[in-house]
PDB file of all heavy atoms in Angstrom:
ATOM      1  N   GLU A   1       0.836  -1.202   0.000  1.00  0.00           N
ATOM      2  CA  GLU A   1       0.000   0.000   0.000  1.00  0.00           C
ATOM      3  C   GLU A   1       0.871   1.252   0.000  1.00  0.00           C
ATOM      4  O   GLU A   1       0.602   2.208  -0.728  1.00  0.00           O
ATOM      5  CB  GLU A   1      -0.935   0.001   1.211  1.00  0.00           C
ATOM      6  CG  GLU A   1      -2.049  -1.015   1.125  1.00  0.00           C
ATOM      7  CD  GLU A   1      -2.820  -1.152   2.425  1.00  0.00           C
ATOM      8  OE1 GLU A   1      -2.687  -0.279   3.315  1.00  0.00           O
ATOM      9  OE2 GLU A   1      -3.555  -2.142   2.560  1.00  0.00           O
ATOM     10  N   ARG A   2       1.926   1.248   0.815  1.00  0.00           N
ATOM     11  CA  ARG A   2       2.852   2.391   0.858  1.00  0.00           C
ATOM     12  C   ARG A   2       3.535   2.560  -0.493  1.00  0.00           C
ATOM     13  O   ARG A   2       3.735   3.670  -0.958  1.00  0.00           O
ATOM     14  CB  ARG A   2       3.924   2.194   1.931  1.00  0.00           C
ATOM     15  CG  ARG A   2       3.429   2.205   3.320  1.00  0.00           C
ATOM     16  CD  ARG A   2       3.233   3.615   3.787  1.00  0.00           C
ATOM     17  NE  ARG A   2       2.995   3.614   5.203  1.00  0.00           N
ATOM     18  CZ  ARG A   2       3.235   4.629   5.984  1.00  0.00           C
ATOM     19  NH1 ARG A   2       3.744   5.731   5.495  1.00  0.00           N
ATOM     20  NH2 ARG A   2       2.967   4.562   7.250  1.00  0.00           N
ATOM     21  N   ARG A   3       3.906   1.465  -1.116  1.00  0.00           N
ATOM     22  CA  ARG A   3       4.586   1.515  -2.413  1.00  0.00           C
ATOM     23  C   ARG A   3       3.699   2.195  -3.462  1.00  0.00           C
ATOM     24  O   ARG A   3       4.188   2.941  -4.300  1.00  0.00           O
ATOM     25  CB  ARG A   3       4.951   0.090  -2.844  1.00  0.00           C
ATOM     26  CG  ARG A   3       5.766  -0.004  -4.104  1.00  0.00           C
ATOM     27  CD  ARG A   3       6.051  -1.478  -4.425  1.00  0.00           C
ATOM     28  NE  ARG A   3       6.928  -1.575  -5.540  1.00  0.00           N
ATOM     29  CZ  ARG A   3       8.195  -1.972  -5.483  1.00  0.00           C
ATOM     30  NH1 ARG A   3       8.720  -2.318  -4.336  1.00  0.00           N
ATOM     31  NH2 ARG A   3       8.932  -2.031  -6.557  1.00  0.00           N
ATOM     32  N   ARG A   4       2.405   1.947  -3.386  1.00  0.00           N
ATOM     33  CA  ARG A   4       1.474   2.595  -4.310  1.00  0.00           C
ATOM     34  C   ARG A   4       1.376   4.097  -4.048  1.00  0.00           C
ATOM     35  O   ARG A   4       0.891   4.845  -4.889  1.00  0.00           O
ATOM     36  CB  ARG A   4       0.096   1.945  -4.249  1.00  0.00           C
ATOM     37  CG  ARG A   4       0.068   0.589  -4.951  1.00  0.00           C
ATOM     38  CD  ARG A   4      -1.359   0.082  -5.150  1.00  0.00           C
ATOM     39  NE  ARG A   4      -2.108  -0.084  -3.923  1.00  0.00           N
ATOM     40  CZ  ARG A   4      -2.131  -1.192  -3.183  1.00  0.00           C
ATOM     41  NH1 ARG A   4      -1.433  -2.250  -3.560  1.00  0.00           N
ATOM     42  NH2 ARG A   4      -2.855  -1.253  -2.089  1.00  0.00           N
ATOM     43  N   GLY A   5       1.840   4.550  -2.902  1.00  0.00           N
ATOM     44  CA  GLY A   5       1.816   5.973  -2.565  1.00  0.00           C
ATOM     45  C   GLY A   5       3.096   6.706  -2.942  1.00  0.00           C
ATOM     46  O   GLY A   5       3.290   7.856  -2.554  1.00  0.00           O
ATOM     47  N   ARG A   6       3.972   6.064  -3.731  1.00  0.00           N
ATOM     48  CA  ARG A   6       5.240   6.710  -4.084  1.00  0.00           C
ATOM     49  C   ARG A   6       4.963   8.002  -4.854  1.00  0.00           C
ATOM     50  O   ARG A   6       3.977   8.104  -5.574  1.00  0.00           O
ATOM     51  CB  ARG A   6       6.138   5.768  -4.869  1.00  0.00           C
ATOM     52  CG  ARG A   6       5.572   5.292  -6.173  1.00  0.00           C
ATOM     53  CD  ARG A   6       6.399   4.112  -6.703  1.00  0.00           C
ATOM     54  NE  ARG A   6       5.878   3.621  -7.961  1.00  0.00           N
ATOM     55  CZ  ARG A   6       4.873   2.776  -8.089  1.00  0.00           C
ATOM     56  NH1 ARG A   6       4.277   2.305  -7.007  1.00  0.00           N
ATOM     57  NH2 ARG A   6       4.466   2.384  -9.267  1.00  0.00           N
ATOM     58  N   LYS A   7       5.844   8.985  -4.656  1.00  0.00           N
ATOM     59  CA  LYS A   7       5.622  10.289  -5.282  1.00  0.00           C
ATOM     60  C   LYS A   7       6.889  11.134  -5.205  1.00  0.00           C
ATOM     61  O   LYS A   7       7.830  10.803  -4.499  1.00  0.00           O
ATOM     62  CB  LYS A   7       4.481  11.019  -4.587  1.00  0.00           C
ATOM     63  CG  LYS A   7       4.740  11.264  -3.091  1.00  0.00           C
ATOM     64  CD  LYS A   7       3.520  11.838  -2.413  1.00  0.00           C
ATOM     65  CE  LYS A   7       3.733  11.862  -0.897  1.00  0.00           C
ATOM     66  NZ  LYS A   7       2.538  12.275  -0.192  1.00  0.00           N
ATOM     67  N   VAL A   8       6.849  12.216  -5.955  1.00  0.00           N
ATOM     68  CA  VAL A   8       7.896  13.237  -5.913  1.00  0.00           C
ATOM     69  C   VAL A   8       7.198  14.552  -5.635  1.00  0.00           C
ATOM     70  O   VAL A   8       6.158  14.849  -6.237  1.00  0.00           O
ATOM     71  CB  VAL A   8       8.680  13.301  -7.245  1.00  0.00           C
ATOM     72  CG1 VAL A   8       9.666  14.453  -7.238  1.00  0.00           C
ATOM     73  CG2 VAL A   8       9.395  11.983  -7.510  1.00  0.00           C
ATOM     74  N   GLN A   9       7.754  15.331  -4.708  1.00  0.00           N
ATOM     75  CA  GLN A   9       7.163  16.612  -4.348  1.00  0.00           C
ATOM     76  C   GLN A   9       8.211  17.711  -4.423  1.00  0.00           C
ATOM     77  O   GLN A   9       9.390  17.476  -4.125  1.00  0.00           O
ATOM     78  CB  GLN A   9       6.617  16.587  -2.922  1.00  0.00           C
ATOM     79  CG  GLN A   9       5.410  15.712  -2.733  1.00  0.00           C
ATOM     80  CD  GLN A   9       4.955  15.734  -1.291  1.00  0.00           C
ATOM     81  OE1 GLN A   9       5.688  15.331  -0.403  1.00  0.00           O
ATOM     82  NE2 GLN A   9       3.744  16.219  -1.069  1.00  0.00           N
ATOM     83  N   LEU A  10       7.784  18.906  -4.765  1.00  0.00           N
ATOM     84  CA  LEU A  10       8.645  20.077  -4.809  1.00  0.00           C
ATOM     85  C   LEU A  10       8.173  21.052  -3.746  1.00  0.00           C
ATOM     86  O   LEU A  10       6.996  21.420  -3.714  1.00  0.00           O
ATOM     87  CB  LEU A  10       8.575  20.731  -6.195  1.00  0.00           C
ATOM     88  CG  LEU A  10       9.342  22.035  -6.358  1.00  0.00           C
ATOM     89  CD1 LEU A  10      10.846  21.788  -6.210  1.00  0.00           C
ATOM     90  CD2 LEU A  10       9.025  22.671  -7.704  1.00  0.00           C
ATOM     91  N   CYS A  11       9.075  21.472  -2.870  1.00  0.00           N
ATOM     92  CA  CYS A  11       8.762  22.452  -1.834  1.00  0.00           C
ATOM     93  C   CYS A  11       9.699  23.644  -2.014  1.00  0.00           C
ATOM     94  O   CYS A  11      10.927  23.504  -1.899  1.00  0.00           O
ATOM     95  CB  CYS A  11       8.948  21.846  -0.446  1.00  0.00           C
ATOM     96  SG  CYS A  11       7.858  20.460  -0.114  1.00  0.00           S
ATOM     97  N   HIS A  12       9.132  24.802  -2.303  1.00  0.00           N
ATOM     98  CA  HIS A  12       9.929  26.008  -2.498  1.00  0.00           C
ATOM     99  C   HIS A  12      10.451  26.510  -1.156  1.00  0.00           C
ATOM    100  O   HIS A  12       9.708  26.547  -0.173  1.00  0.00           O
ATOM    101  CB  HIS A  12       9.111  27.083  -3.211  1.00  0.00           C
ATOM    102  CG  HIS A  12       8.774  26.682  -4.617  1.00  0.00           C
ATOM    103  ND1 HIS A  12       9.680  26.756  -5.636  1.00  0.00           N
ATOM    104  CD2 HIS A  12       7.643  26.158  -5.152  1.00  0.00           C
ATOM    105  CE1 HIS A  12       9.135  26.329  -6.753  1.00  0.00           C
ATOM    106  NE2 HIS A  12       7.884  25.943  -6.481  1.00  0.00           N
ATOM    107  N   GLU A  13      11.713  26.873  -1.126  1.00  0.00           N
ATOM    108  CA  GLU A  13      12.371  27.373   0.077  1.00  0.00           C
ATOM    109  C   GLU A  13      12.772  28.835  -0.137  1.00  0.00           C
ATOM    110  O   GLU A  13      12.480  29.412  -1.181  1.00  0.00           O
ATOM    111  CB  GLU A  13      13.615  26.516   0.383  1.00  0.00           C
ATOM    112  CG  GLU A  13      13.362  25.020   0.460  1.00  0.00           C
ATOM    113  CD  GLU A  13      12.660  24.563   1.714  1.00  0.00           C
ATOM    114  OE1 GLU A  13      12.601  25.341   2.691  1.00  0.00           O
ATOM    115  OE2 GLU A  13      12.165  23.428   1.727  1.00  0.00           O
ATOM    116  N   ASP A  14      13.485  29.403   0.808  1.00  0.00           N
ATOM    117  CA  ASP A  14      13.940  30.790   0.718  1.00  0.00           C
ATOM    118  C   ASP A  14      15.218  30.913  -0.108  1.00  0.00           C
ATOM    119  O   ASP A  14      15.926  29.926  -0.338  1.00  0.00           O
ATOM    120  CB  ASP A  14      14.205  31.345   2.131  1.00  0.00           C
ATOM    121  CG  ASP A  14      12.929  31.423   2.962  1.00  0.00           C
ATOM    122  OD1 ASP A  14      11.854  31.633   2.378  1.00  0.00           O
ATOM    123  OD2 ASP A  14      13.021  31.273   4.195  1.00  0.00           O
ATOM    124  N   GLU A  15      15.521  32.135  -0.477  1.00  0.00           N
ATOM    125  CA  GLU A  15      16.750  32.495  -1.185  1.00  0.00           C
ATOM    126  C   GLU A  15      17.026  31.647  -2.424  1.00  0.00           C
ATOM    127  O   GLU A  15      18.151  31.189  -2.651  1.00  0.00           O
ATOM    128  CB  GLU A  15      17.972  32.448  -0.235  1.00  0.00           C
ATOM    129  CG  GLU A  15      18.057  33.611   0.729  1.00  0.00           C
ATOM    130  CD  GLU A  15      17.302  33.339   2.028  1.00  0.00           C
ATOM    131  OE1 GLU A  15      17.230  32.173   2.462  1.00  0.00           O
ATOM    132  OE2 GLU A  15      16.767  34.311   2.598  1.00  0.00           O
ATOM    133  N   GLY A  16      16.015  31.443  -3.232  1.00  0.00           N
ATOM    134  CA  GLY A  16      16.205  30.769  -4.511  1.00  0.00           C
ATOM    135  C   GLY A  16      16.463  29.273  -4.438  1.00  0.00           C
ATOM    136  O   GLY A  16      16.954  28.681  -5.387  1.00  0.00           O
ATOM    137  N   MET A  17      16.114  28.637  -3.347  1.00  0.00           N
ATOM    138  CA  MET A  17      16.338  27.202  -3.188  1.00  0.00           C
ATOM    139  C   MET A  17      14.996  26.475  -3.103  1.00  0.00           C
ATOM    140  O   MET A  17      13.956  27.080  -2.875  1.00  0.00           O
ATOM    141  CB  MET A  17      17.174  26.916  -1.926  1.00  0.00           C
ATOM    142  CG  MET A  17      18.579  27.511  -1.950  1.00  0.00           C
ATOM    143  SD  MET A  17      19.600  26.897  -3.302  1.00  0.00           S
ATOM    144  CE  MET A  17      19.958  25.244  -2.729  1.00  0.00           C
ATOM    145  N   ALA A  18      15.038  25.182  -3.300  1.00  0.00           N
ATOM    146  CA  ALA A  18      13.849  24.337  -3.188  1.00  0.00           C
ATOM    147  C   ALA A  18      14.304  22.959  -2.724  1.00  0.00           C
ATOM    148  O   ALA A  18      15.462  22.580  -2.890  1.00  0.00           O
ATOM    149  CB  ALA A  18      13.127  24.239  -4.523  1.00  0.00           C
ATOM    150  N   THR A  19      13.388  22.235  -2.156  1.00  0.00           N
ATOM    151  CA  THR A  19      13.654  20.866  -1.735  1.00  0.00           C
ATOM    152  C   THR A  19      12.822  19.933  -2.607  1.00  0.00           C
ATOM    153  O   THR A  19      11.633  20.168  -2.815  1.00  0.00           O
ATOM    154  CB  THR A  19      13.288  20.653  -0.256  1.00  0.00           C
ATOM    155  OG1 THR A  19      14.032  21.580   0.536  1.00  0.00           O
ATOM    156  CG2 THR A  19      13.588  19.241   0.195  1.00  0.00           C
ATOM    157  N   LEU A  20      13.460  18.902  -3.112  1.00  0.00           N
ATOM    158  CA  LEU A  20      12.784  17.899  -3.929  1.00  0.00           C
ATOM    159  C   LEU A  20      12.732  16.617  -3.107  1.00  0.00           C
ATOM    160  O   LEU A  20      13.762  16.074  -2.721  1.00  0.00           O
ATOM    161  CB  LEU A  20      13.568  17.667  -5.226  1.00  0.00           C
ATOM    162  CG  LEU A  20      12.966  16.719  -6.248  1.00  0.00           C
ATOM    163  CD1 LEU A  20      11.659  17.292  -6.794  1.00  0.00           C
ATOM    164  CD2 LEU A  20      13.953  16.501  -7.384  1.00  0.00           C
ATOM    165  N   TYR A  21      11.530  16.170  -2.798  1.00  0.00           N
ATOM    166  CA  TYR A  21      11.347  14.947  -2.028  1.00  0.00           C
ATOM    167  C   TYR A  21      10.922  13.825  -2.958  1.00  0.00           C
ATOM    168  O   TYR A  21      10.045  14.006  -3.787  1.00  0.00           O
ATOM    169  CB  TYR A  21      10.238  15.116  -0.976  1.00  0.00           C
ATOM    170  CG  TYR A  21      10.560  16.066   0.131  1.00  0.00           C
ATOM    171  CD1 TYR A  21      10.110  17.375   0.093  1.00  0.00           C
ATOM    172  CD2 TYR A  21      11.306  15.652   1.229  1.00  0.00           C
ATOM    173  CE1 TYR A  21      10.393  18.262   1.117  1.00  0.00           C
ATOM    174  CE2 TYR A  21      11.591  16.515   2.260  1.00  0.00           C
ATOM    175  CZ  TYR A  21      11.136  17.822   2.208  1.00  0.00           C
ATOM    176  OH  TYR A  21      11.418  18.694   3.223  1.00  0.00           O
ATOM    177  N   ALA A  22      11.525  12.677  -2.789  1.00  0.00           N
ATOM    178  CA  ALA A  22      11.113  11.493  -3.532  1.00  0.00           C
ATOM    179  C   ALA A  22      10.767  10.421  -2.504  1.00  0.00           C
ATOM    180  O   ALA A  22      11.630   9.979  -1.746  1.00  0.00           O
ATOM    181  CB  ALA A  22      12.224  11.022  -4.460  1.00  0.00           C
ATOM    182  N   TYR A  23       9.508  10.040  -2.443  1.00  0.00           N
ATOM    183  CA  TYR A  23       9.033   8.994  -1.544  1.00  0.00           C
ATOM    184  C   TYR A  23       9.020   7.714  -2.357  1.00  0.00           C
ATOM    185  O   TYR A  23       8.151   7.507  -3.204  1.00  0.00           O
ATOM    186  CB  TYR A  23       7.636   9.370  -1.048  1.00  0.00           C
ATOM    187  CG  TYR A  23       7.060   8.443  -0.021  1.00  0.00           C
ATOM    188  CD1 TYR A  23       7.619   8.336   1.251  1.00  0.00           C
ATOM    189  CD2 TYR A  23       5.930   7.696  -0.314  1.00  0.00           C
ATOM    190  CE1 TYR A  23       7.070   7.499   2.195  1.00  0.00           C
ATOM    191  CE2 TYR A  23       5.369   6.860   0.628  1.00  0.00           C
ATOM    192  CZ  TYR A  23       5.946   6.766   1.885  1.00  0.00           C
ATOM    193  OH  TYR A  23       5.389   5.934   2.824  1.00  0.00           O
ATOM    194  N   LEU A  24      10.038   6.881  -2.148  1.00  0.00           N
ATOM    195  CA  LEU A  24      10.287   5.720  -2.997  1.00  0.00           C
ATOM    196  C   LEU A  24      10.422   4.456  -2.166  1.00  0.00           C
ATOM    197  O   LEU A  24      10.737   4.516  -0.977  1.00  0.00           O
ATOM    198  CB  LEU A  24      11.606   5.921  -3.769  1.00  0.00           C
ATOM    199  CG  LEU A  24      11.705   7.148  -4.663  1.00  0.00           C
ATOM    200  CD1 LEU A  24      13.138   7.361  -5.115  1.00  0.00           C
ATOM    201  CD2 LEU A  24      10.799   6.970  -5.858  1.00  0.00           C
ATOM    202  N   PRO A  25      10.267   3.286  -2.799  1.00  0.00           N
ATOM    203  CA  PRO A  25      10.586   2.043  -2.094  1.00  0.00           C
ATOM    204  C   PRO A  25      12.041   2.078  -1.613  1.00  0.00           C
ATOM    205  O   PRO A  25      12.925   2.604  -2.316  1.00  0.00           O
ATOM    206  CB  PRO A  25      10.370   0.973  -3.161  1.00  0.00           C
ATOM    207  CG  PRO A  25       9.365   1.584  -4.097  1.00  0.00           C
ATOM    208  CD  PRO A  25       9.711   3.046  -4.136  1.00  0.00           C
ATOM    209  N   ALA A  26      12.276   1.544  -0.438  1.00  0.00           N
ATOM    210  CA  ALA A  26      13.586   1.654   0.208  1.00  0.00           C
ATOM    211  C   ALA A  26      14.723   1.122  -0.656  1.00  0.00           C
ATOM    212  O   ALA A  26      15.798   1.732  -0.716  1.00  0.00           O
ATOM    213  CB  ALA A  26      13.561   0.928   1.555  1.00  0.00           C
ATOM    214  N   GLY A  27      14.524   0.011  -1.337  1.00  0.00           N
ATOM    215  CA  GLY A  27      15.593  -0.551  -2.169  1.00  0.00           C
ATOM    216  C   GLY A  27      15.974   0.371  -3.316  1.00  0.00           C
ATOM    217  O   GLY A  27      17.158   0.518  -3.647  1.00  0.00           O
ATOM    218  N   ILE A  28      14.992   1.008  -3.932  1.00  0.00           N
ATOM    219  CA  ILE A  28      15.261   1.933  -5.030  1.00  0.00           C
ATOM    220  C   ILE A  28      15.947   3.182  -4.503  1.00  0.00           C
ATOM    221  O   ILE A  28      16.936   3.661  -5.075  1.00  0.00           O
ATOM    222  CB  ILE A  28      13.959   2.284  -5.778  1.00  0.00           C
ATOM    223  CG1 ILE A  28      13.436   1.043  -6.505  1.00  0.00           C
ATOM    224  CG2 ILE A  28      14.167   3.443  -6.756  1.00  0.00           C
ATOM    225  CD1 ILE A  28      12.048   1.208  -7.076  1.00  0.00           C
ATOM    226  N   ALA A  29      15.442   3.737  -3.403  1.00  0.00           N
ATOM    227  CA  ALA A  29      16.052   4.934  -2.824  1.00  0.00           C
ATOM    228  C   ALA A  29      17.506   4.669  -2.423  1.00  0.00           C
ATOM    229  O   ALA A  29      18.387   5.495  -2.682  1.00  0.00           O
ATOM    230  CB  ALA A  29      15.242   5.406  -1.618  1.00  0.00           C
ATOM    231  N   ALA A  30      17.767   3.520  -1.811  1.00  0.00           N
ATOM    232  CA  ALA A  30      19.139   3.185  -1.414  1.00  0.00           C
ATOM    233  C   ALA A  30      20.049   3.039  -2.629  1.00  0.00           C
ATOM    234  O   ALA A  30      21.207   3.466  -2.617  1.00  0.00           O
ATOM    235  CB  ALA A  30      19.149   1.897  -0.590  1.00  0.00           C
ATOM    236  N   THR A  31      19.540   2.464  -3.709  1.00  0.00           N
ATOM    237  CA  THR A  31      20.329   2.309  -4.930  1.00  0.00           C
ATOM    238  C   THR A  31      20.651   3.667  -5.538  1.00  0.00           C
ATOM    239  O   THR A  31      21.788   3.917  -5.954  1.00  0.00           O
ATOM    240  CB  THR A  31      19.577   1.428  -5.947  1.00  0.00           C
ATOM    241  OG1 THR A  31      19.353   0.150  -5.369  1.00  0.00           O
ATOM    242  CG2 THR A  31      20.364   1.267  -7.236  1.00  0.00           C
ATOM    243  N   ILE A  32      19.673   4.568  -5.597  1.00  0.00           N
ATOM    244  CA  ILE A  32      19.900   5.908  -6.139  1.00  0.00           C
ATOM    245  C   ILE A  32      20.942   6.633  -5.296  1.00  0.00           C
ATOM    246  O   ILE A  32      21.899   7.214  -5.820  1.00  0.00           O
ATOM    247  CB  ILE A  32      18.584   6.707  -6.204  1.00  0.00           C
ATOM    248  CG1 ILE A  32      17.655   6.114  -7.267  1.00  0.00           C
ATOM    249  CG2 ILE A  32      18.850   8.196  -6.465  1.00  0.00           C
ATOM    250  CD1 ILE A  32      16.226   6.661  -7.213  1.00  0.00           C
ATOM    251  N   TYR A  33      20.766   6.614  -3.985  1.00  0.00           N
ATOM    252  CA  TYR A  33      21.698   7.324  -3.111  1.00  0.00           C
ATOM    253  C   TYR A  33      23.112   6.763  -3.238  1.00  0.00           C
ATOM    254  O   TYR A  33      24.088   7.506  -3.321  1.00  0.00           O
ATOM    255  CB  TYR A  33      21.243   7.276  -1.652  1.00  0.00           C
ATOM    256  CG  TYR A  33      22.185   8.058  -0.773  1.00  0.00           C
ATOM    257  CD1 TYR A  33      22.050   9.438  -0.647  1.00  0.00           C
ATOM    258  CD2 TYR A  33      23.243   7.429  -0.114  1.00  0.00           C
ATOM    259  CE1 TYR A  33      22.935  10.166   0.130  1.00  0.00           C
ATOM    260  CE2 TYR A  33      24.134   8.153   0.643  1.00  0.00           C
ATOM    261  CZ  TYR A  33      23.978   9.524   0.776  1.00  0.00           C
ATOM    262  OH  TYR A  33      24.876  10.237   1.528  1.00  0.00           O
ATOM    263  N   THR A  34      23.226   5.451  -3.279  1.00  0.00           N
ATOM    264  CA  THR A  34      24.545   4.825  -3.384  1.00  0.00           C
ATOM    265  C   THR A  34      25.225   5.210  -4.686  1.00  0.00           C
ATOM    266  O   THR A  34      26.424   5.493  -4.706  1.00  0.00           O
ATOM    267  CB  THR A  34      24.423   3.295  -3.267  1.00  0.00           C
ATOM    268  OG1 THR A  34      23.825   2.981  -2.004  1.00  0.00           O
ATOM    269  CG2 THR A  34      25.776   2.620  -3.357  1.00  0.00           C
ATOM    270  N   ARG A  35      24.475   5.238  -5.758  1.00  0.00           N
ATOM    271  CA  ARG A  35      25.053   5.631  -7.054  1.00  0.00           C
ATOM    272  C   ARG A  35      25.532   7.072  -7.018  1.00  0.00           C
ATOM    273  O   ARG A  35      26.644   7.389  -7.434  1.00  0.00           O
ATOM    274  CB  ARG A  35      24.024   5.443  -8.162  1.00  0.00           C
ATOM    275  CG  ARG A  35      24.573   5.805  -9.530  1.00  0.00           C
ATOM    276  CD  ARG A  35      23.543   5.594 -10.607  1.00  0.00           C
ATOM    277  NE  ARG A  35      24.125   5.780 -11.924  1.00  0.00           N
ATOM    278  CZ  ARG A  35      23.426   5.867 -13.030  1.00  0.00           C
ATOM    279  NH1 ARG A  35      22.124   5.744 -12.979  1.00  0.00           N
ATOM    280  NH2 ARG A  35      24.010   6.057 -14.182  1.00  0.00           N
ATOM    281  N   VAL A  36      24.695   7.979  -6.525  1.00  0.00           N
ATOM    282  CA  VAL A  36      25.058   9.393  -6.431  1.00  0.00           C
ATOM    283  C   VAL A  36      26.286   9.560  -5.536  1.00  0.00           C
ATOM    284  O   VAL A  36      27.230  10.279  -5.875  1.00  0.00           O
ATOM    285  CB  VAL A  36      23.861  10.225  -5.909  1.00  0.00           C
ATOM    286  CG1 VAL A  36      24.280  11.620  -5.483  1.00  0.00           C
ATOM    287  CG2 VAL A  36      22.762  10.284  -6.965  1.00  0.00           C
ATOM    288  N   ASP A  37      26.284   8.889  -4.403  1.00  0.00           N
ATOM    289  CA  ASP A  37      27.395   8.984  -3.455  1.00  0.00           C
ATOM    290  C   ASP A  37      28.692   8.452  -4.056  1.00  0.00           C
ATOM    291  O   ASP A  37      29.758   9.063  -3.889  1.00  0.00           O
ATOM    292  CB  ASP A  37      27.049   8.224  -2.174  1.00  0.00           C
ATOM    293  CG  ASP A  37      28.129   8.353  -1.126  1.00  0.00           C
ATOM    294  OD1 ASP A  37      28.371   9.490  -0.665  1.00  0.00           O
ATOM    295  OD2 ASP A  37      28.734   7.317  -0.768  1.00  0.00           O
ATOM    296  N   ARG A  38      28.611   7.330  -4.772  1.00  0.00           N
ATOM    297  CA  ARG A  38      29.808   6.732  -5.376  1.00  0.00           C
ATOM    298  C   ARG A  38      30.440   7.698  -6.386  1.00  0.00           C
ATOM    299  O   ARG A  38      31.644   7.917  -6.375  1.00  0.00           O
ATOM    300  CB  ARG A  38      29.471   5.401  -6.043  1.00  0.00           C
ATOM    301  CG  ARG A  38      30.688   4.751  -6.687  1.00  0.00           C
ATOM    302  CD  ARG A  38      30.371   3.403  -7.306  1.00  0.00           C
ATOM    303  NE  ARG A  38      30.184   2.435  -6.247  1.00  0.00           N
ATOM    304  CZ  ARG A  38      29.087   1.700  -6.071  1.00  0.00           C
ATOM    305  NH1 ARG A  38      28.088   1.788  -6.909  1.00  0.00           N
ATOM    306  NH2 ARG A  38      28.988   0.848  -5.082  1.00  0.00           N
ATOM    307  N   VAL A  39      29.629   8.299  -7.244  1.00  0.00           N
ATOM    308  CA  VAL A  39      30.146   9.238  -8.245  1.00  0.00           C
ATOM    309  C   VAL A  39      30.720  10.473  -7.553  1.00  0.00           C
ATOM    310  O   VAL A  39      31.801  10.952  -7.904  1.00  0.00           O
ATOM    311  CB  VAL A  39      29.049   9.622  -9.266  1.00  0.00           C
ATOM    312  CG1 VAL A  39      29.535  10.724 -10.193  1.00  0.00           C
ATOM    313  CG2 VAL A  39      28.613   8.395 -10.057  1.00  0.00           C
ATOM    314  N   ALA A  40      30.010  10.993  -6.556  1.00  0.00           N
ATOM    315  CA  ALA A  40      30.483  12.182  -5.835  1.00  0.00           C
ATOM    316  C   ALA A  40      31.816  11.908  -5.141  1.00  0.00           C
ATOM    317  O   ALA A  40      32.732  12.734  -5.198  1.00  0.00           O
ATOM    318  CB  ALA A  40      29.425  12.625  -4.819  1.00  0.00           C
ATOM    319  N   ARG A  41      31.948  10.761  -4.511  1.00  0.00           N
ATOM    320  CA  ARG A  41      33.210  10.428  -3.829  1.00  0.00           C
ATOM    321  C   ARG A  41      34.359  10.268  -4.830  1.00  0.00           C
ATOM    322  O   ARG A  41      35.491  10.642  -4.544  1.00  0.00           O
ATOM    323  CB  ARG A  41      33.045   9.177  -2.984  1.00  0.00           C
ATOM    324  CG  ARG A  41      32.215   9.406  -1.741  1.00  0.00           C
ATOM    325  CD  ARG A  41      32.040   8.151  -0.907  1.00  0.00           C
ATOM    326  NE  ARG A  41      31.166   8.410   0.202  1.00  0.00           N
ATOM    327  CZ  ARG A  41      31.536   8.968   1.356  1.00  0.00           C
ATOM    328  NH1 ARG A  41      32.786   9.346   1.537  1.00  0.00           N
ATOM    329  NH2 ARG A  41      30.663   9.172   2.314  1.00  0.00           N
ATOM    330  N   ARG A  42      34.049   9.706  -5.985  1.00  0.00           N
ATOM    331  CA  ARG A  42      35.088   9.567  -7.012  1.00  0.00           C
ATOM    332  C   ARG A  42      35.556  10.952  -7.470  1.00  0.00           C
ATOM    333  O   ARG A  42      36.753  11.204  -7.607  1.00  0.00           O
ATOM    334  CB  ARG A  42      34.586   8.735  -8.188  1.00  0.00           C
ATOM    335  CG  ARG A  42      35.695   8.408  -9.182  1.00  0.00           C
ATOM    336  CD  ARG A  42      35.298   7.414 -10.262  1.00  0.00           C
ATOM    337  NE  ARG A  42      34.143   7.859 -11.014  1.00  0.00           N
ATOM    338  CZ  ARG A  42      32.999   7.195 -11.120  1.00  0.00           C
ATOM    339  NH1 ARG A  42      32.845   6.032 -10.526  1.00  0.00           N
ATOM    340  NH2 ARG A  42      31.997   7.671 -11.817  1.00  0.00           N
ATOM    341  N   LEU A  43      34.624  11.867  -7.678  1.00  0.00           N
ATOM    342  CA  LEU A  43      34.980  13.232  -8.062  1.00  0.00           C
ATOM    343  C   LEU A  43      35.802  13.915  -6.968  1.00  0.00           C
ATOM    344  O   LEU A  43      36.777  14.606  -7.247  1.00  0.00           O
ATOM    345  CB  LEU A  43      33.722  14.051  -8.366  1.00  0.00           C
ATOM    346  CG  LEU A  43      32.958  13.682  -9.631  1.00  0.00           C
ATOM    347  CD1 LEU A  43      31.613  14.404  -9.664  1.00  0.00           C
ATOM    348  CD2 LEU A  43      33.781  14.004 -10.862  1.00  0.00           C
ATOM    349  N   ARG A  44      35.396  13.704  -5.737  1.00  0.00           N
ATOM    350  CA  ARG A  44      36.104  14.313  -4.590  1.00  0.00           C
ATOM    351  C   ARG A  44      37.534  13.798  -4.514  1.00  0.00           C
ATOM    352  O   ARG A  44      38.465  14.559  -4.232  1.00  0.00           O
ATOM    353  CB  ARG A  44      35.348  14.005  -3.304  1.00  0.00           C
ATOM    354  CG  ARG A  44      35.898  14.669  -2.090  1.00  0.00           C
ATOM    355  CD  ARG A  44      35.396  16.092  -2.001  1.00  0.00           C
ATOM    356  NE  ARG A  44      35.804  16.622  -0.708  1.00  0.00           N
ATOM    357  CZ  ARG A  44      36.333  17.809  -0.554  1.00  0.00           C
ATOM    358  NH1 ARG A  44      36.497  18.614  -1.565  1.00  0.00           N
ATOM    359  NH2 ARG A  44      36.682  18.215   0.629  1.00  0.00           N
ATOM    360  N   SER A  45      37.724  12.512  -4.778  1.00  0.00           N
ATOM    361  CA  SER A  45      39.072  11.931  -4.701  1.00  0.00           C
ATOM    362  C   SER A  45      39.982  12.430  -5.816  1.00  0.00           C
ATOM    363  O   SER A  45      41.195  12.292  -5.728  1.00  0.00           O
ATOM    364  CB  SER A  45      38.993  10.400  -4.727  1.00  0.00           C
ATOM    365  OG  SER A  45      38.643   9.952  -6.020  1.00  0.00           O
ATOM    366  N   ARG A  46      39.393  13.012  -6.850  1.00  0.00           N
ATOM    367  CA  ARG A  46      40.178  13.555  -7.968  1.00  0.00           C
ATOM    368  C   ARG A  46      40.511  15.032  -7.766  1.00  0.00           C
ATOM    369  O   ARG A  46      40.855  15.727  -8.712  1.00  0.00           O
ATOM    370  CB  ARG A  46      39.424  13.367  -9.281  1.00  0.00           C
ATOM    371  CG  ARG A  46      39.270  11.911  -9.668  1.00  0.00           C
ATOM    372  CD  ARG A  46      38.515  11.796 -10.968  1.00  0.00           C
ATOM    373  NE  ARG A  46      38.313  10.397 -11.284  1.00  0.00           N
ATOM    374  CZ  ARG A  46      37.446   9.963 -12.183  1.00  0.00           C
ATOM    375  NH1 ARG A  46      36.717  10.824 -12.873  1.00  0.00           N
ATOM    376  NH2 ARG A  46      37.321   8.675 -12.415  1.00  0.00           N
ATOM    377  N   GLY A  47      40.355  15.514  -6.543  1.00  0.00           N
ATOM    378  CA  GLY A  47      40.747  16.883  -6.243  1.00  0.00           C
ATOM    379  C   GLY A  47      39.644  17.915  -6.362  1.00  0.00           C
ATOM    380  O   GLY A  47      39.904  19.111  -6.285  1.00  0.00           O
TER     381      GLY A  47
END
């Protein structure tokens, strides 16, 4: 039932910023985060 409630929301913040929320199944969210983190860490290690 929760999985059927998956969604993406945009919340406008101050000073030209916004928050993007993605309510996703845990396995998918963990995979996305791990991929983003892996690429970011590789970039960081390159100076």
